[in-house]
C-alpha atoms as a PDB file:
ATOM      1  CA  UNK A   1     -54.652 -61.936  51.027  1.00  0.00           C
ATOM      2  CA  UNK A   2     -57.833 -61.815  53.089  1.00  0.00           C
ATOM      3  CA  UNK A   3     -60.751 -64.298  52.175  1.00  0.00           C
ATOM      4  CA  UNK A   4     -63.248 -61.470  51.669  1.00  0.00           C
ATOM      5  CA  UNK A   5     -60.758 -59.550  49.650  1.00  0.00           C
ATOM      6  CA  UNK A   6     -60.319 -62.475  47.191  1.00  0.00           C
ATOM      7  CA  UNK A   7     -64.029 -62.673  46.868  1.00  0.00           C
ATOM      8  CA  UNK A   8     -64.276 -59.021  46.266  1.00  0.00           C
ATOM      9  CA  UNK A   9     -61.706 -59.042  43.413  1.00  0.00           C
ATOM     10  CA  UNK A  10     -63.216 -62.282  41.847  1.00  0.00           C
ATOM     11  CA  UNK A  11     -66.435 -60.681  40.848  1.00  0.00           C
ATOM     12  CA  UNK A  12     -64.949 -57.749  38.872  1.00  0.00           C
ATOM     13  CA  UNK A  13     -62.525 -60.113  37.351  1.00  0.00           C
ATOM     14  CA  UNK A  14     -65.268 -62.623  36.402  1.00  0.00           C
ATOM     15  CA  UNK A  15     -67.302 -59.796  34.864  1.00  0.00           C
ATOM     16  CA  UNK A  16     -64.471 -58.736  32.613  1.00  0.00           C
ATOM     17  CA  UNK A  17     -63.752 -62.182  31.402  1.00  0.00           C
ATOM     18  CA  UNK A  18     -67.461 -62.844  30.670  1.00  0.00           C
ATOM     19  CA  UNK A  19     -68.099 -59.375  29.069  1.00  0.00           C
ATOM     20  CA  UNK A  20     -65.018 -60.269  26.816  1.00  0.00           C
ATOM     21  CA  UNK A  21     -66.532 -63.502  25.741  1.00  0.00           C
ATOM     22  CA  UNK A  22     -69.829 -61.718  25.026  1.00  0.00           C
ATOM     23  CA  UNK A  23     -67.957 -58.999  22.937  1.00  0.00           C
ATOM     24  CA  UNK A  24     -65.928 -61.570  20.882  1.00  0.00           C
ATOM     25  CA  UNK A  25     -68.914 -63.652  20.224  1.00  0.00           C
ATOM     26  CA  UNK A  26     -70.958 -60.755  19.062  1.00  0.00           C
ATOM     27  CA  UNK A  27     -68.044 -59.820  16.657  1.00  0.00           C
ATOM     28  CA  UNK A  28     -67.913 -63.191  15.212  1.00  0.00           C
ATOM     29  CA  UNK A  29     -71.747 -63.550  14.735  1.00  0.00           C
ATOM     30  CA  UNK A  30     -74.657 -61.227  14.186  1.00  0.00           C
ATOM     31  CA  UNK A  31     -75.593 -59.178  17.183  1.00  0.00           C
ATOM     32  CA  UNK A  32     -78.894 -60.744  17.242  1.00  0.00           C
ATOM     33  CA  UNK A  33     -79.451 -62.396  20.703  1.00  0.00           C
ATOM     34  CA  UNK A  34     -76.600 -60.406  22.255  1.00  0.00           C
ATOM     35  CA  UNK A  35     -79.013 -58.493  24.500  1.00  0.00           C
ATOM     36  CA  UNK A  36     -80.249 -61.702  25.836  1.00  0.00           C
ATOM     37  CA  UNK A  37     -76.728 -62.942  26.556  1.00  0.00           C
ATOM     38  CA  UNK A  38     -76.095 -59.667  28.457  1.00  0.00           C
ATOM     39  CA  UNK A  39     -79.178 -60.084  30.460  1.00  0.00           C
ATOM     40  CA  UNK A  40     -78.166 -63.631  31.373  1.00  0.00           C
ATOM     41  CA  UNK A  41     -74.777 -62.413  32.260  1.00  0.00           C
ATOM     42  CA  UNK A  42     -76.343 -59.762  34.516  1.00  0.00           C
ATOM     43  CA  UNK A  43     -78.600 -62.377  36.231  1.00  0.00           C
ATOM     44  CA  UNK A  44     -75.560 -64.704  36.761  1.00  0.00           C
ATOM     45  CA  UNK A  45     -73.700 -61.791  38.432  1.00  0.00           C
ATOM     46  CA  UNK A  46     -76.537 -60.772  40.468  1.00  0.00           C
ATOM     47  CA  UNK A  47     -76.787 -64.513  41.690  1.00  0.00           C
ATOM     48  CA  UNK A  48     -73.198 -64.643  42.560  1.00  0.00           C
ATOM     49  CA  UNK A  49     -73.475 -61.436  44.592  1.00  0.00           C
ATOM     50  CA  UNK A  50     -76.421 -62.567  46.425  1.00  0.00           C
ATOM     51  CA  UNK A  51     -74.757 -65.969  47.317  1.00  0.00           C
ATOM     52  CA  UNK A  52     -71.661 -64.033  48.630  1.00  0.00           C
ATOM     53  CA  UNK A  53     -73.730 -61.782  50.691  1.00  0.00           C
ATOM     54  CA  UNK A  54     -75.749 -64.554  52.250  1.00  0.00           C
ATOM     55  CA  UNK A  55     -72.581 -66.392  53.032  1.00  0.00           C
ATOM     56  CA  UNK A  56     -71.246 -63.304  54.710  1.00  0.00           C
ATOM     57  CA  UNK A  57     -74.349 -62.323  56.794  1.00  0.00           C
ATOM     58  CA  UNK A  58     -76.087 -65.601  56.954  1.00  0.00           C
ATOM     59  CA  UNK A  59     -75.056 -66.540  60.328  1.00  0.00           C
ATOM     60  CA  UNK A  60     -75.917 -63.127  61.759  1.00  0.00           C
ATOM     61  CA  UNK A  61     -79.451 -63.264  60.301  1.00  0.00           C
ATOM     62  CA  UNK A  62     -79.795 -66.768  61.707  1.00  0.00           C
ATOM     63  CA  UNK A  63     -78.734 -65.631  65.196  1.00  0.00           C
ATOM     64  CA  UNK A  64     -81.141 -62.645  65.115  1.00  0.00           C
ATOM     65  CA  UNK A  65     -84.013 -65.074  64.294  1.00  0.00           C
ATOM     66  CA  UNK A  66     -82.825 -67.564  66.954  1.00  0.00           C
ATOM     67  CA  UNK A  67     -82.690 -64.779  69.624  1.00  0.00           C
ATOM     68  CA  UNK A  68     -86.390 -63.697  68.587  1.00  0.00           C
ATOM     69  CA  UNK A  69     -87.574 -67.305  68.627  1.00  0.00           C
ATOM     70  CA  UNK A  70     -85.907 -67.745  72.155  1.00  0.00           C
ATOM     71  CA  UNK A  71     -87.248 -64.487  73.503  1.00  0.00           C
ATOM     72  CA  UNK A  72     -90.854 -65.685  72.494  1.00  0.00           C
ATOM     73  CA  UNK A  73     -90.398 -69.025  74.196  1.00  0.00           C
ATOM     74  CA  UNK A  74     -90.768 -71.349  71.249  1.00  0.00           C
END
């Protein structure tokens, strides 16, 4: 399996697992605070997506800024 394909399948799987934990926890306890846990879960997933995107395109962005810097003569 290709490296990018593994990352692409890891995120939905991670979301399903974390969502399952949130649902089970909500069933065992009051649902008070469940909204905060869901917001935290969303923030974690966004952070993971941003990290993956930066790893994939980070070198390209660095090359663009290097080319601009070299063209300006600095």
